[in-house]
Amino acid sequence: MEMNFEHILLFKTTIKTEADKHFIAGVMQARQIEQWTVDLQDIDCVLRIVSPTLQTTEVIAFISENGYLCEVLT
């Protein structure tokens, strides 16, 4: 299967711990987002989402609504 890189969204976050990641897992599940990861070892705590439908503004909004800082990784 070919990967469409336009569907990969990358964000710098304040999701820093396993507990944070577990909490966000519930948020992702509620939004039916199945392909995502958070790199807790990276200084930017990078959130990676694969989705053909989500927009960056949507992700920033729902992550921020749950108490974490989130911005597009540049």
C-alpha atoms as a PDB file:
ATOM      1  CA  MET A   1       0.000   0.000   0.000  1.00  0.00           C
ATOM      2  CA  GLU A   2       1.359   3.411  -0.962  1.00  0.00           C
ATOM      3  CA  MET A   3       1.620   6.078   1.748  1.00  0.00           C
ATOM      4  CA  ASN A   4       0.196   9.505   0.952  1.00  0.00           C
ATOM      5  CA  PHE A   5       2.367  11.911   2.929  1.00  0.00           C
ATOM      6  CA  GLU A   6      -0.307  14.601   2.684  1.00  0.00           C
ATOM      7  CA  HIS A   7      -2.334  12.495   5.126  1.00  0.00           C
ATOM      8  CA  ILE A   8       0.385  12.580   7.810  1.00  0.00           C
ATOM      9  CA  LEU A   9      -0.078  15.362  10.357  1.00  0.00           C
ATOM     10  CA  LEU A  10       2.773  16.225  12.760  1.00  0.00           C
ATOM     11  CA  PHE A  11       2.441  18.305  15.914  1.00  0.00           C
ATOM     12  CA  LYS A  12       4.634  19.539  18.738  1.00  0.00           C
ATOM     13  CA  THR A  13       2.799  18.853  22.021  1.00  0.00           C
ATOM     14  CA  THR A  14       3.047  18.814  25.795  1.00  0.00           C
ATOM     15  CA  ILE A  15       1.985  15.151  25.952  1.00  0.00           C
ATOM     16  CA  LYS A  16       4.982  14.137  28.073  1.00  0.00           C
ATOM     17  CA  THR A  17       4.151  11.060  30.143  1.00  0.00           C
ATOM     18  CA  GLU A  18       2.656   7.602  29.694  1.00  0.00           C
ATOM     19  CA  ALA A  19      -0.345   8.837  31.705  1.00  0.00           C
ATOM     20  CA  ASP A  20      -0.771  11.747  29.265  1.00  0.00           C
ATOM     21  CA  LYS A  21      -0.499   9.342  26.351  1.00  0.00           C
ATOM     22  CA  HIS A  22      -3.071   7.013  27.902  1.00  0.00           C
ATOM     23  CA  PHE A  23      -5.469   9.937  28.382  1.00  0.00           C
ATOM     24  CA  ILE A  24      -5.003  11.052  24.755  1.00  0.00           C
ATOM     25  CA  ALA A  25      -5.629   7.464  23.632  1.00  0.00           C
ATOM     26  CA  GLY A  26      -9.162   7.836  24.974  1.00  0.00           C
ATOM     27  CA  VAL A  27      -9.574  11.116  23.105  1.00  0.00           C
ATOM     28  CA  MET A  28      -8.365   9.500  19.887  1.00  0.00           C
ATOM     29  CA  GLN A  29     -10.639   6.512  20.367  1.00  0.00           C
ATOM     30  CA  ALA A  30     -13.656   8.761  20.947  1.00  0.00           C
ATOM     31  CA  ARG A  31     -12.871  10.529  17.649  1.00  0.00           C
ATOM     32  CA  GLN A  32     -12.294   7.183  15.877  1.00  0.00           C
ATOM     33  CA  ILE A  33      -8.673   8.052  15.059  1.00  0.00           C
ATOM     34  CA  GLU A  34      -6.860   4.753  14.740  1.00  0.00           C
ATOM     35  CA  GLN A  35      -3.470   5.688  13.290  1.00  0.00           C
ATOM     36  CA  TRP A  36      -1.572   7.898  15.711  1.00  0.00           C
ATOM     37  CA  THR A  37       1.549   7.903  17.863  1.00  0.00           C
ATOM     38  CA  VAL A  38       3.232  10.161  20.392  1.00  0.00           C
ATOM     39  CA  ASP A  39       7.030  10.105  20.672  1.00  0.00           C
ATOM     40  CA  LEU A  40       7.648  10.662  24.378  1.00  0.00           C
ATOM     41  CA  GLN A  41      11.416  10.443  23.822  1.00  0.00           C
ATOM     42  CA  ASP A  42      11.481  13.408  21.421  1.00  0.00           C
ATOM     43  CA  ILE A  43      12.017  16.858  22.948  1.00  0.00           C
ATOM     44  CA  ASP A  44       8.928  18.088  21.034  1.00  0.00           C
ATOM     45  CA  CYS A  45       6.733  15.153  22.157  1.00  0.00           C
ATOM     46  CA  VAL A  46       5.693  14.697  18.540  1.00  0.00           C
ATOM     47  CA  LEU A  47       2.122  13.621  17.863  1.00  0.00           C
ATOM     48  CA  ARG A  48       1.777  11.910  14.477  1.00  0.00           C
ATOM     49  CA  ILE A  49      -1.660  11.264  13.004  1.00  0.00           C
ATOM     50  CA  VAL A  50      -2.449   9.577   9.703  1.00  0.00           C
ATOM     51  CA  SER A  51      -5.817  10.727   8.386  1.00  0.00           C
ATOM     52  CA  PRO A  52      -7.182  11.681   4.978  1.00  0.00           C
ATOM     53  CA  THR A  53      -9.957  13.758   6.560  1.00  0.00           C
ATOM     54  CA  LEU A  54      -8.629  15.590   9.629  1.00  0.00           C
ATOM     55  CA  GLN A  55      -7.424  19.163   9.373  1.00  0.00           C
ATOM     56  CA  THR A  56      -4.581  20.541  11.511  1.00  0.00           C
ATOM     57  CA  THR A  57      -6.924  23.106  13.094  1.00  0.00           C
ATOM     58  CA  GLU A  58      -9.263  20.319  14.261  1.00  0.00           C
ATOM     59  CA  VAL A  59      -6.426  18.409  15.904  1.00  0.00           C
ATOM     60  CA  ILE A  60      -5.044  21.525  17.609  1.00  0.00           C
ATOM     61  CA  ALA A  61      -8.530  22.317  18.912  1.00  0.00           C
ATOM     62  CA  PHE A  62      -9.336  18.919  20.415  1.00  0.00           C
ATOM     63  CA  ILE A  63      -5.872  18.409  21.903  1.00  0.00           C
ATOM     64  CA  SER A  64      -5.970  21.917  23.402  1.00  0.00           C
ATOM     65  CA  GLU A  65      -9.504  21.351  24.729  1.00  0.00           C
ATOM     66  CA  ASN A  66      -8.059  18.465  26.725  1.00  0.00           C
ATOM     67  CA  GLY A  67      -5.399  20.575  28.421  1.00  0.00           C
ATOM     68  CA  TYR A  68      -2.340  20.073  26.235  1.00  0.00           C
ATOM     69  CA  LEU A  69      -0.475  22.532  24.081  1.00  0.00           C
ATOM     70  CA  CYS A  70      -0.426  21.515  20.432  1.00  0.00           C
ATOM     71  CA  GLU A  71       1.031  23.247  17.388  1.00  0.00           C
ATOM     72  CA  VAL A  72       2.036  22.240  13.891  1.00  0.00           C
ATOM     73  CA  LEU A  73       5.580  20.896  13.850  1.00  0.00           C
ATOM     74  CA  THR A  74       7.695  22.959  11.503  1.00  0.00           C
END
